[in-house]
Amino acid sequence: MLNALRRFKFYLKYYLTNHVINNVPFHCLRLYWYRHAVGMKIGARSQIWLGCHFIGDTLDQIEIGQDTTLATGVVINASAPV
């Protein structure tokens, strides 16, 4: 039962990240979600534009450096640490 709850939580976060949050028109809200709900490490002055997708099972291990821009339509595959 605990495994099923963990899987549900993971897939819910995955769905929200790639189908809801990535279309939110406010950059600060997207970054807040990516940093705090997903656990990504995002450097200062970095931007993640609308429509970016994150796939894989290690989203919390994504590190994006300072002054980095991920433009619309970028797909980050986080199947292993990025």
Protein backbone atom coordinates (compact mmCIF):
# COMPACT_ATOMS: atom_id res chain seq x y z
CA MET A 1 0.00 0.00 0.00
CA LEU A 2 2.83 2.39 0.85
CA ASN A 3 4.49 1.72 -2.50
CA ALA A 4 1.24 2.48 -4.30
CA LEU A 5 0.95 5.81 -2.46
CA ARG A 6 4.54 6.73 -3.33
CA ARG A 7 3.95 5.89 -6.99
CA PHE A 8 0.72 7.91 -6.99
CA LYS A 9 2.49 10.90 -5.44
CA PHE A 10 5.33 10.65 -8.01
CA TYR A 11 2.97 10.42 -10.99
CA LEU A 12 0.78 13.25 -9.70
CA LYS A 13 3.82 15.51 -9.30
CA TYR A 14 5.08 14.41 -12.73
CA TYR A 15 1.71 15.17 -14.35
CA LEU A 16 1.35 18.56 -12.65
CA THR A 17 4.91 19.52 -13.60
CA ASN A 18 4.53 18.69 -17.29
CA HIS A 19 0.89 19.50 -18.00
CA VAL A 20 -0.13 22.25 -15.59
CA ILE A 21 2.86 24.08 -14.13
CA ASN A 22 4.77 24.30 -17.42
CA ASN A 23 1.85 26.34 -18.81
CA VAL A 24 1.55 28.77 -15.89
CA PRO A 25 2.30 32.23 -17.34
CA PHE A 26 4.13 33.46 -14.22
CA HIS A 27 7.83 32.64 -14.22
CA CYS A 28 8.22 33.06 -10.45
CA LEU A 29 5.46 30.49 -9.76
CA ARG A 30 7.01 27.95 -12.15
CA LEU A 31 10.43 28.36 -10.54
CA TYR A 32 8.91 28.03 -7.07
CA TRP A 33 7.27 24.73 -8.06
CA TYR A 34 10.40 23.37 -9.73
CA ARG A 35 12.59 24.27 -6.75
CA HIS A 36 10.32 23.40 -3.82
CA ALA A 37 7.84 20.78 -5.01
CA VAL A 38 10.10 18.93 -7.46
CA GLY A 39 13.46 19.58 -5.77
CA MET A 40 15.43 20.88 -8.75
CA LYS A 41 18.47 23.03 -8.07
CA ILE A 42 18.16 26.14 -10.22
CA GLY A 43 20.85 28.82 -10.27
CA ALA A 44 20.39 32.55 -9.90
CA ARG A 45 19.01 34.48 -12.87
CA SER A 46 18.04 31.26 -14.67
CA GLN A 47 14.84 31.06 -16.68
CA ILE A 48 12.57 28.18 -17.60
CA TRP A 49 10.14 29.32 -20.26
CA LEU A 50 6.63 28.06 -20.88
CA GLY A 51 6.28 24.60 -22.39
CA CYS A 52 9.45 22.93 -21.07
CA HIS A 53 9.06 19.24 -20.29
CA PHE A 54 10.95 17.14 -17.76
CA ILE A 55 10.88 13.38 -18.21
CA GLY A 56 12.43 10.58 -16.20
CA ASP A 57 12.35 9.42 -12.61
CA THR A 58 15.11 11.57 -11.11
CA LEU A 59 13.65 15.06 -11.55
CA ASP A 60 14.85 16.01 -8.08
CA GLN A 61 18.46 15.55 -9.23
CA ILE A 62 18.30 18.11 -12.02
CA GLU A 63 20.75 20.99 -11.58
CA ILE A 64 20.48 24.07 -13.78
CA GLY A 65 23.37 26.53 -13.55
CA GLN A 66 23.37 30.29 -13.14
CA ASP A 67 22.22 32.50 -16.02
CA THR A 68 20.80 29.52 -17.92
CA THR A 69 17.71 29.75 -20.12
CA LEU A 70 15.59 26.76 -21.11
CA ALA A 71 13.51 27.95 -24.05
CA THR A 72 10.01 26.89 -25.03
CA GLY A 73 9.78 23.25 -26.06
CA VAL A 74 12.98 22.05 -24.39
CA VAL A 75 12.83 18.46 -23.10
CA ILE A 76 15.12 17.48 -20.23
CA ASN A 77 15.54 13.71 -19.81
CA ALA A 78 16.30 13.01 -16.17
CA SER A 79 16.64 9.24 -16.33
CA ALA A 80 19.99 9.63 -14.58
CA PRO A 81 21.51 12.60 -12.76
CA VAL A 82 21.75 15.63 -15.06
